[in-house]
Amino acid sequence: NLNVPVFKGSDKPLLRKQIVAPDIHGESGLEGAN
């Protein structure tokens, strides 16, 4: 219930090939609860 606007930022790094961290955070980035 936080009345806070959420903005879309950058979808990829400036130059390097993109990496993500599914081994730590799961495929959705927020795994572990429904």
Full PDB file with SEQRES, HELIX, SHEET, SSBOND, CRYST1, ORIGX, SCALE, CONECT and MASTER records, all heavy atoms in Angstrom:
SEQRES   1 A   34  ASN LEU ASN VAL PRO VAL PHE LYS GLY SER ASP LYS PRO          
SEQRES   2 A   34  LEU LEU ARG LYS GLN ILE VAL ALA PRO ASP ILE HIS GLY          
SEQRES   3 A   34  GLU SER GLY LEU GLU GLY ALA ASN                              
HELIX    1 AA1 PRO A   22  HIS A   25  1                                   4    
CRYST1    1.000    1.000    1.000  90.00  90.00  90.00 P 1           1          
ORIGX1      1.000000  0.000000  0.000000        0.00000                         
ORIGX2      0.000000  1.000000  0.000000        0.00000                         
ORIGX3      0.000000  0.000000  1.000000        0.00000                         
SCALE1      1.000000  0.000000  0.000000        0.00000                         
SCALE2      0.000000  1.000000  0.000000        0.00000                         
SCALE3      0.000000  0.000000  1.000000        0.00000                         
ATOM      1  N   ASN A   1       0.818  -1.216   0.000  1.00  0.00           N  
ATOM      2  CA  ASN A   1       0.000   0.000   0.000  1.00  0.00           C  
ATOM      3  C   ASN A   1       0.856   1.272   0.000  1.00  0.00           C  
ATOM      4  O   ASN A   1       0.554   2.239   0.707  1.00  0.00           O  
ATOM      5  CB  ASN A   1      -0.964   0.024   1.199  1.00  0.00           C  
ATOM      6  CG  ASN A   1      -2.043  -1.028   1.076  1.00  0.00           C  
ATOM      7  OD1 ASN A   1      -2.627  -1.195   0.006  1.00  0.00           O  
ATOM      8  ND2 ASN A   1      -2.293  -1.747   2.150  1.00  0.00           N  
ATOM      9  N   LEU A   2       1.920   1.240  -0.785  1.00  0.00           N  
ATOM     10  CA  LEU A   2       2.789   2.403  -0.916  1.00  0.00           C  
ATOM     11  C   LEU A   2       2.357   3.192  -2.149  1.00  0.00           C  
ATOM     12  O   LEU A   2       2.366   2.671  -3.262  1.00  0.00           O  
ATOM     13  CB  LEU A   2       4.255   1.974  -1.056  1.00  0.00           C  
ATOM     14  CG  LEU A   2       4.843   1.135   0.085  1.00  0.00           C  
ATOM     15  CD1 LEU A   2       6.292   0.763  -0.228  1.00  0.00           C  
ATOM     16  CD2 LEU A   2       4.755   1.871   1.414  1.00  0.00           C  
ATOM     17  N   ASN A   3       1.980   4.434  -1.934  1.00  0.00           N  
ATOM     18  CA  ASN A   3       1.550   5.291  -3.044  1.00  0.00           C  
ATOM     19  C   ASN A   3       2.783   5.930  -3.679  1.00  0.00           C  
ATOM     20  O   ASN A   3       3.055   7.119  -3.512  1.00  0.00           O  
ATOM     21  CB  ASN A   3       0.582   6.353  -2.534  1.00  0.00           C  
ATOM     22  CG  ASN A   3      -0.007   7.172  -3.675  1.00  0.00           C  
ATOM     23  OD1 ASN A   3      -0.065   6.719  -4.817  1.00  0.00           O  
ATOM     24  ND2 ASN A   3      -0.410   8.391  -3.371  1.00  0.00           N  
ATOM     25  N   VAL A   4       3.533   5.100  -4.398  1.00  0.00           N  
ATOM     26  CA  VAL A   4       4.822   5.516  -4.955  1.00  0.00           C  
ATOM     27  C   VAL A   4       4.846   5.191  -6.448  1.00  0.00           C  
ATOM     28  O   VAL A   4       4.584   4.050  -6.832  1.00  0.00           O  
ATOM     29  CB  VAL A   4       5.989   4.778  -4.247  1.00  0.00           C  
ATOM     30  CG1 VAL A   4       7.317   5.164  -4.863  1.00  0.00           C  
ATOM     31  CG2 VAL A   4       5.990   5.081  -2.756  1.00  0.00           C  
ATOM     32  N   PRO A   5       5.155   6.154  -7.298  1.00  0.00           N  
ATOM     33  CA  PRO A   5       5.227   5.865  -8.733  1.00  0.00           C  
ATOM     34  C   PRO A   5       6.430   4.980  -9.068  1.00  0.00           C  
ATOM     35  O   PRO A   5       7.506   5.124  -8.482  1.00  0.00           O  
ATOM     36  CB  PRO A   5       5.369   7.251  -9.372  1.00  0.00           C  
ATOM     37  CG  PRO A   5       5.984   8.103  -8.313  1.00  0.00           C  
ATOM     38  CD  PRO A   5       5.460   7.577  -7.004  1.00  0.00           C  
ATOM     39  N   VAL A   6       6.215   4.075 -10.011  1.00  0.00           N  
ATOM     40  CA  VAL A   6       7.270   3.166 -10.476  1.00  0.00           C  
ATOM     41  C   VAL A   6       7.555   3.473 -11.945  1.00  0.00           C  
ATOM     42  O   VAL A   6       6.631   3.524 -12.763  1.00  0.00           O  
ATOM     43  CB  VAL A   6       6.858   1.690 -10.300  1.00  0.00           C  
ATOM     44  CG1 VAL A   6       7.905   0.757 -10.915  1.00  0.00           C  
ATOM     45  CG2 VAL A   6       6.647   1.357  -8.825  1.00  0.00           C  
ATOM     46  N   PHE A   7       8.830   3.682 -12.263  1.00  0.00           N  
ATOM     47  CA  PHE A   7       9.237   4.030 -13.622  1.00  0.00           C  
ATOM     48  C   PHE A   7      10.080   2.923 -14.234  1.00  0.00           C  
ATOM     49  O   PHE A   7      10.855   2.267 -13.539  1.00  0.00           O  
ATOM     50  CB  PHE A   7      10.061   5.324 -13.606  1.00  0.00           C  
ATOM     51  CG  PHE A   7       9.300   6.525 -13.136  1.00  0.00           C  
ATOM     52  CD1 PHE A   7       9.159   6.779 -11.775  1.00  0.00           C  
ATOM     53  CD2 PHE A   7       8.719   7.385 -14.045  1.00  0.00           C  
ATOM     54  CE1 PHE A   7       8.449   7.888 -11.333  1.00  0.00           C  
ATOM     55  CE2 PHE A   7       8.011   8.504 -13.612  1.00  0.00           C  
ATOM     56  CZ  PHE A   7       7.873   8.752 -12.253  1.00  0.00           C  
ATOM     57  N   LYS A   8       9.940   2.762 -15.534  1.00  0.00           N  
ATOM     58  CA  LYS A   8      10.804   1.837 -16.287  1.00  0.00           C  
ATOM     59  C   LYS A   8      12.124   2.528 -16.572  1.00  0.00           C  
ATOM     60  O   LYS A   8      12.149   3.608 -17.172  1.00  0.00           O  
ATOM     61  CB  LYS A   8      10.155   1.470 -17.630  1.00  0.00           C  
ATOM     62  CG  LYS A   8       9.108   0.404 -17.579  1.00  0.00           C  
ATOM     63  CD  LYS A   8       8.686   0.089 -19.019  1.00  0.00           C  
ATOM     64  CE  LYS A   8       7.639  -1.003 -19.055  1.00  0.00           C  
ATOM     65  NZ  LYS A   8       7.236  -1.279 -20.452  1.00  0.00           N  
ATOM     66  N   GLY A   9      13.225   1.878 -16.176  1.00  0.00           N  
ATOM     67  CA  GLY A   9      14.539   2.395 -16.483  1.00  0.00           C  
ATOM     68  C   GLY A   9      15.166   1.645 -17.643  1.00  0.00           C  
ATOM     69  O   GLY A   9      14.474   1.198 -18.570  1.00  0.00           O  
ATOM     70  N   SER A  10      16.461   1.462 -17.575  1.00  0.00           N  
ATOM     71  CA  SER A  10      17.220   0.848 -18.675  1.00  0.00           C  
ATOM     72  C   SER A  10      17.013  -0.653 -18.724  1.00  0.00           C  
ATOM     73  O   SER A  10      17.009  -1.320 -17.693  1.00  0.00           O  
ATOM     74  CB  SER A  10      18.710   1.153 -18.503  1.00  0.00           C  
ATOM     75  OG  SER A  10      18.925   2.537 -18.426  1.00  0.00           O  
ATOM     76  N   ASP A  11      16.895  -1.174 -19.946  1.00  0.00           N  
ATOM     77  CA  ASP A  11      16.649  -2.613 -20.105  1.00  0.00           C  
ATOM     78  C   ASP A  11      17.912  -3.405 -20.423  1.00  0.00           C  
ATOM     79  O   ASP A  11      17.863  -4.623 -20.539  1.00  0.00           O  
ATOM     80  CB  ASP A  11      15.588  -2.872 -21.176  1.00  0.00           C  
ATOM     81  CG  ASP A  11      16.026  -2.438 -22.569  1.00  0.00           C  
ATOM     82  OD1 ASP A  11      17.085  -1.771 -22.690  1.00  0.00           O  
ATOM     83  OD2 ASP A  11      15.312  -2.764 -23.540  1.00  0.00           O  
ATOM     84  N   LYS A  12      19.047  -2.713 -20.540  1.00  0.00           N  
ATOM     85  CA  LYS A  12      20.305  -3.413 -20.816  1.00  0.00           C  
ATOM     86  C   LYS A  12      21.471  -2.513 -20.417  1.00  0.00           C  
ATOM     87  O   LYS A  12      21.308  -1.287 -20.302  1.00  0.00           O  
ATOM     88  CB  LYS A  12      20.402  -3.809 -22.292  1.00  0.00           C  
ATOM     89  CG  LYS A  12      20.360  -2.649 -23.259  1.00  0.00           C  
ATOM     90  CD  LYS A  12      20.361  -3.140 -24.705  1.00  0.00           C  
ATOM     91  CE  LYS A  12      20.271  -1.958 -25.669  1.00  0.00           C  
ATOM     92  NZ  LYS A  12      20.237  -2.395 -27.066  1.00  0.00           N  
ATOM     93  N   PRO A  13      22.655  -3.082 -20.237  1.00  0.00           N  
ATOM     94  CA  PRO A  13      23.831  -2.278 -19.891  1.00  0.00           C  
ATOM     95  C   PRO A  13      24.224  -1.332 -21.022  1.00  0.00           C  
ATOM     96  O   PRO A  13      23.772  -1.473 -22.158  1.00  0.00           O  
ATOM     97  CB  PRO A  13      24.924  -3.329 -19.650  1.00  0.00           C  
ATOM     98  CG  PRO A  13      24.225  -4.637 -19.543  1.00  0.00           C  
ATOM     99  CD  PRO A  13      22.954  -4.520 -20.302  1.00  0.00           C  
ATOM    100  N   LEU A  14      25.100  -0.380 -20.711  1.00  0.00           N  
ATOM    101  CA  LEU A  14      25.551   0.577 -21.722  1.00  0.00           C  
ATOM    102  C   LEU A  14      26.267  -0.111 -22.874  1.00  0.00           C  
ATOM    103  O   LEU A  14      25.996   0.169 -24.043  1.00  0.00           O  
ATOM    104  CB  LEU A  14      26.496   1.615 -21.098  1.00  0.00           C  
ATOM    105  CG  LEU A  14      25.917   2.575 -20.064  1.00  0.00           C  
ATOM    106  CD1 LEU A  14      26.992   3.560 -19.612  1.00  0.00           C  
ATOM    107  CD2 LEU A  14      24.698   3.319 -20.592  1.00  0.00           C  
ATOM    108  N   LEU A  15      27.208  -1.012 -22.547  1.00  0.00           N  
ATOM    109  CA  LEU A  15      28.045  -1.632 -23.581  1.00  0.00           C  
ATOM    110  C   LEU A  15      28.121  -3.149 -23.483  1.00  0.00           C  
ATOM    111  O   LEU A  15      28.088  -3.826 -24.502  1.00  0.00           O  
ATOM    112  CB  LEU A  15      29.480  -1.059 -23.511  1.00  0.00           C  
ATOM    113  CG  LEU A  15      29.660   0.429 -23.804  1.00  0.00           C  
ATOM    114  CD1 LEU A  15      31.113   0.835 -23.582  1.00  0.00           C  
ATOM    115  CD2 LEU A  15      29.236   0.755 -25.235  1.00  0.00           C  
ATOM    116  N   ARG A  16      28.254  -3.669 -22.298  1.00  0.00           N  
ATOM    117  CA  ARG A  16      28.559  -5.092 -22.152  1.00  0.00           C  
ATOM    118  C   ARG A  16      27.338  -5.967 -22.427  1.00  0.00           C  
ATOM    119  O   ARG A  16      26.191  -5.494 -22.423  1.00  0.00           O  
ATOM    120  CB  ARG A  16      29.117  -5.389 -20.762  1.00  0.00           C  
ATOM    121  CG  ARG A  16      28.110  -5.257 -19.611  1.00  0.00           C  
ATOM    122  CD  ARG A  16      28.461  -6.206 -18.464  1.00  0.00           C  
ATOM    123  NE  ARG A  16      28.400  -7.571 -18.922  1.00  0.00           N  
ATOM    124  CZ  ARG A  16      29.096  -8.583 -18.401  1.00  0.00           C  
ATOM    125  NH1 ARG A  16      29.894  -8.374 -17.377  1.00  0.00           N  
ATOM    126  NH2 ARG A  16      28.978  -9.800 -18.879  1.00  0.00           N  
ATOM    127  N   LYS A  17      27.581  -7.249 -22.639  1.00  0.00           N  
ATOM    128  CA  LYS A  17      26.512  -8.219 -22.800  1.00  0.00           C  
ATOM    129  C   LYS A  17      25.765  -8.357 -21.475  1.00  0.00           C  
ATOM    130  O   LYS A  17      26.368  -8.409 -20.404  1.00  0.00           O  
ATOM    131  CB  LYS A  17      27.104  -9.575 -23.222  1.00  0.00           C  
ATOM    132  CG  LYS A  17      26.063 -10.638 -23.513  1.00  0.00           C  
ATOM    133  CD  LYS A  17      26.740 -11.944 -23.931  1.00  0.00           C  
ATOM    134  CE  LYS A  17      25.692 -13.032 -24.168  1.00  0.00           C  
ATOM    135  NZ  LYS A  17      26.325 -14.333 -24.504  1.00  0.00           N  
ATOM    136  N   GLN A  18      24.447  -8.441 -21.554  1.00  0.00           N  
ATOM    137  CA  GLN A  18      23.629  -8.474 -20.334  1.00  0.00           C  
ATOM    138  C   GLN A  18      23.828  -9.760 -19.543  1.00  0.00           C  
ATOM    139  O   GLN A  18      23.941 -10.844 -20.111  1.00  0.00           O  
ATOM    140  CB  GLN A  18      22.154  -8.333 -20.706  1.00  0.00           C  
ATOM    141  CG  GLN A  18      21.227  -8.193 -19.507  1.00  0.00           C  
ATOM    142  CD  GLN A  18      19.831  -7.783 -19.923  1.00  0.00           C  
ATOM    143  OE1 GLN A  18      19.391  -8.064 -21.030  1.00  0.00           O  
ATOM    144  NE2 GLN A  18      19.119  -7.105 -19.033  1.00  0.00           N  
ATOM    145  N   ILE A  19      23.884  -9.612 -18.210  1.00  0.00           N  
ATOM    146  CA  ILE A  19      23.863 -10.765 -17.326  1.00  0.00           C  
ATOM    147  C   ILE A  19      22.747 -10.555 -16.305  1.00  0.00           C  
ATOM    148  O   ILE A  19      22.373  -9.427 -15.983  1.00  0.00           O  
ATOM    149  CB  ILE A  19      25.206 -10.981 -16.581  1.00  0.00           C  
ATOM    150  CG1 ILE A  19      25.549  -9.762 -15.696  1.00  0.00           C  
ATOM    151  CG2 ILE A  19      26.330 -11.289 -17.550  1.00  0.00           C  
ATOM    152  CD1 ILE A  19      26.631 -10.033 -14.663  1.00  0.00           C  
ATOM    153  N   VAL A  20      22.171 -11.667 -15.817  1.00  0.00           N  
ATOM    154  CA  VAL A  20      21.178 -11.635 -14.741  1.00  0.00           C  
ATOM    155  C   VAL A  20      21.582 -12.684 -13.706  1.00  0.00           C  
ATOM    156  O   VAL A  20      22.599 -13.362 -13.868  1.00  0.00           O  
ATOM    157  CB  VAL A  20      19.749 -11.883 -15.282  1.00  0.00           C  
ATOM    158  CG1 VAL A  20      19.278 -10.709 -16.125  1.00  0.00           C  
ATOM    159  CG2 VAL A  20      19.672 -13.175 -16.091  1.00  0.00           C  
ATOM    160  N   ALA A  21      20.789 -12.824 -12.642  1.00  0.00           N  
ATOM    161  CA  ALA A  21      21.201 -13.684 -11.520  1.00  0.00           C  
ATOM    162  C   ALA A  21      20.109 -14.672 -11.100  1.00  0.00           C  
ATOM    163  O   ALA A  21      19.638 -14.653  -9.956  1.00  0.00           O  
ATOM    164  CB  ALA A  21      21.611 -12.813 -10.339  1.00  0.00           C  
ATOM    165  N   PRO A  22      19.686 -15.568 -12.005  1.00  0.00           N  
ATOM    166  CA  PRO A  22      18.636 -16.528 -11.636  1.00  0.00           C  
ATOM    167  C   PRO A  22      19.074 -17.535 -10.578  1.00  0.00           C  
ATOM    168  O   PRO A  22      18.226 -18.101  -9.877  1.00  0.00           O  
ATOM    169  CB  PRO A  22      18.321 -17.226 -12.967  1.00  0.00           C  
ATOM    170  CG  PRO A  22      19.566 -17.080 -13.786  1.00  0.00           C  
ATOM    171  CD  PRO A  22      20.131 -15.746 -13.396  1.00  0.00           C  
ATOM    172  N   ASP A  23      20.393 -17.763 -10.452  1.00  0.00           N  
ATOM    173  CA  ASP A  23      20.866 -18.727  -9.448  1.00  0.00           C  
ATOM    174  C   ASP A  23      20.636 -18.227  -8.031  1.00  0.00           C  
ATOM    175  O   ASP A  23      20.535 -19.019  -7.090  1.00  0.00           O  
ATOM    176  CB  ASP A  23      22.358 -19.031  -9.658  1.00  0.00           C  
ATOM    177  CG  ASP A  23      23.237 -17.794  -9.686  1.00  0.00           C  
ATOM    178  OD1 ASP A  23      22.719 -16.701 -10.009  1.00  0.00           O  
ATOM    179  OD2 ASP A  23      24.433 -17.918  -9.393  1.00  0.00           O  
ATOM    180  N   ILE A  24      20.517 -16.911  -7.866  1.00  0.00           N  
ATOM    181  CA  ILE A  24      20.281 -16.316  -6.542  1.00  0.00           C  
ATOM    182  C   ILE A  24      18.824 -15.903  -6.370  1.00  0.00           C  
ATOM    183  O   ILE A  24      18.219 -16.146  -5.325  1.00  0.00           O  
ATOM    184  CB  ILE A  24      21.199 -15.090  -6.330  1.00  0.00           C  
ATOM    185  CG1 ILE A  24      22.678 -15.502  -6.364  1.00  0.00           C  
ATOM    186  CG2 ILE A  24      20.865 -14.380  -5.022  1.00  0.00           C  
ATOM    187  CD1 ILE A  24      23.106 -16.408  -5.218  1.00  0.00           C  
ATOM    188  N   HIS A  25      18.242 -15.286  -7.394  1.00  0.00           N  
ATOM    189  CA  HIS A  25      16.906 -14.687  -7.250  1.00  0.00           C  
ATOM    190  C   HIS A  25      15.803 -15.434  -7.997  1.00  0.00           C  
ATOM    191  O   HIS A  25      14.641 -15.008  -7.939  1.00  0.00           O  
ATOM    192  CB  HIS A  25      16.931 -13.230  -7.720  1.00  0.00           C  
ATOM    193  CG  HIS A  25      17.830 -12.362  -6.898  1.00  0.00           C  
ATOM    194  ND1 HIS A  25      17.456 -11.842  -5.675  1.00  0.00           N  
ATOM    195  CD2 HIS A  25      19.102 -11.933  -7.102  1.00  0.00           C  
ATOM    196  CE1 HIS A  25      18.443 -11.127  -5.175  1.00  0.00           C  
ATOM    197  NE2 HIS A  25      19.462 -11.165  -6.019  1.00  0.00           N  
ATOM    198  N   GLY A  26      16.143 -16.540  -8.684  1.00  0.00           N  
ATOM    199  CA  GLY A  26      15.148 -17.266  -9.450  1.00  0.00           C  
ATOM    200  C   GLY A  26      14.862 -16.602 -10.782  1.00  0.00           C  
ATOM    201  O   GLY A  26      15.325 -15.490 -11.070  1.00  0.00           O  
ATOM    202  N   GLU A  27      14.072 -17.272 -11.609  1.00  0.00           N  
ATOM    203  CA  GLU A  27      13.817 -16.802 -12.978  1.00  0.00           C  
ATOM    204  C   GLU A  27      13.068 -15.479 -13.012  1.00  0.00           C  
ATOM    205  O   GLU A  27      13.298 -14.650 -13.889  1.00  0.00           O  
ATOM    206  CB  GLU A  27      13.032 -17.860 -13.770  1.00  0.00           C  
ATOM    207  CG  GLU A  27      13.827 -19.120 -14.081  1.00  0.00           C  
ATOM    208  CD  GLU A  27      15.069 -18.857 -14.934  1.00  0.00           C  
ATOM    209  OE1 GLU A  27      15.005 -17.954 -15.805  1.00  0.00           O  
ATOM    210  OE2 GLU A  27      16.094 -19.531 -14.733  1.00  0.00           O  
ATOM    211  N   SER A  28      12.173 -15.248 -12.063  1.00  0.00           N  
ATOM    212  CA  SER A  28      11.379 -14.017 -12.063  1.00  0.00           C  
ATOM    213  C   SER A  28      12.090 -12.871 -11.366  1.00  0.00           C  
ATOM    214  O   SER A  28      11.636 -11.732 -11.414  1.00  0.00           O  
ATOM    215  CB  SER A  28      10.033 -14.260 -11.364  1.00  0.00           C  
ATOM    216  OG  SER A  28      10.230 -14.400  -9.964  1.00  0.00           O  
ATOM    217  N   GLY A  29      13.200 -13.176 -10.684  1.00  0.00           N  
ATOM    218  CA  GLY A  29      13.877 -12.177  -9.876  1.00  0.00           C  
ATOM    219  C   GLY A  29      13.363 -12.101  -8.458  1.00  0.00           C  
ATOM    220  O   GLY A  29      13.976 -11.480  -7.596  1.00  0.00           O  
ATOM    221  N   LEU A  30      12.220 -12.755  -8.206  1.00  0.00           N  
ATOM    222  CA  LEU A  30      11.617 -12.703  -6.871  1.00  0.00           C  
ATOM    223  C   LEU A  30      10.876 -14.017  -6.603  1.00  0.00           C  
ATOM    224  O   LEU A  30       9.684 -14.038  -6.326  1.00  0.00           O  
ATOM    225  CB  LEU A  30      10.662 -11.506  -6.771  1.00  0.00           C  
ATOM    226  CG  LEU A  30      10.420 -10.888  -5.396  1.00  0.00           C  
ATOM    227  CD1 LEU A  30      11.713 -10.537  -4.674  1.00  0.00           C  
ATOM    228  CD2 LEU A  30       9.544  -9.651  -5.523  1.00  0.00           C  
ATOM    229  N   GLU A  31      11.632 -15.117  -6.694  1.00  0.00           N  
ATOM    230  CA  GLU A  31      11.038 -16.446  -6.504  1.00  0.00           C  
ATOM    231  C   GLU A  31      10.964 -16.800  -5.020  1.00  0.00           C  
ATOM    232  O   GLU A  31      11.685 -16.246  -4.193  1.00  0.00           O  
ATOM    233  CB  GLU A  31      11.886 -17.503  -7.222  1.00  0.00           C  
ATOM    234  CG  GLU A  31      11.951 -17.360  -8.728  1.00  0.00           C  
ATOM    235  CD  GLU A  31      10.670 -17.737  -9.439  1.00  0.00           C  
ATOM    236  OE1 GLU A  31       9.785 -18.351  -8.810  1.00  0.00           O  
ATOM    237  OE2 GLU A  31      10.549 -17.404 -10.631  1.00  0.00           O  
ATOM    238  N   GLY A  32      10.079 -17.753  -4.720  1.00  0.00           N  
ATOM    239  CA  GLY A  32      10.019 -18.286  -3.362  1.00  0.00           C  
ATOM    240  C   GLY A  32       8.660 -18.163  -2.712  1.00  0.00           C  
ATOM    241  O   GLY A  32       8.362 -18.851  -1.737  1.00  0.00           O  
ATOM    242  N   ALA A  33       7.809 -17.267  -3.224  1.00  0.00           N  
ATOM    243  CA  ALA A  33       6.471 -17.080  -2.657  1.00  0.00           C  
ATOM    244  C   ALA A  33       5.498 -16.809  -3.793  1.00  0.00           C  
ATOM    245  O   ALA A  33       5.878 -16.286  -4.845  1.00  0.00           O  
ATOM    246  CB  ALA A  33       6.456 -15.928  -1.663  1.00  0.00           C  
ATOM    247  N   ASN A  34       4.240 -17.179  -3.598  1.00  0.00           N  
ATOM    248  CA  ASN A  34       3.206 -16.873  -4.580  1.00  0.00           C  
ATOM    249  C   ASN A  34       2.790 -15.418  -4.429  1.00  0.00           C  
ATOM    250  O   ASN A  34       2.217 -15.027  -3.412  1.00  0.00           O  
ATOM    251  CB  ASN A  34       1.987 -17.787  -4.375  1.00  0.00           C  
ATOM    252  CG  ASN A  34       2.298 -19.221  -4.746  1.00  0.00           C  
ATOM    253  OD1 ASN A  34       3.002 -19.475  -5.723  1.00  0.00           O  
ATOM    254  ND2 ASN A  34       1.783 -20.169  -3.982  1.00  0.00           N  
TER     255      ASN A  34                                                      
MASTER        0    0    0    1    0    0    0    6  254    1    0    3          
END                                                                             
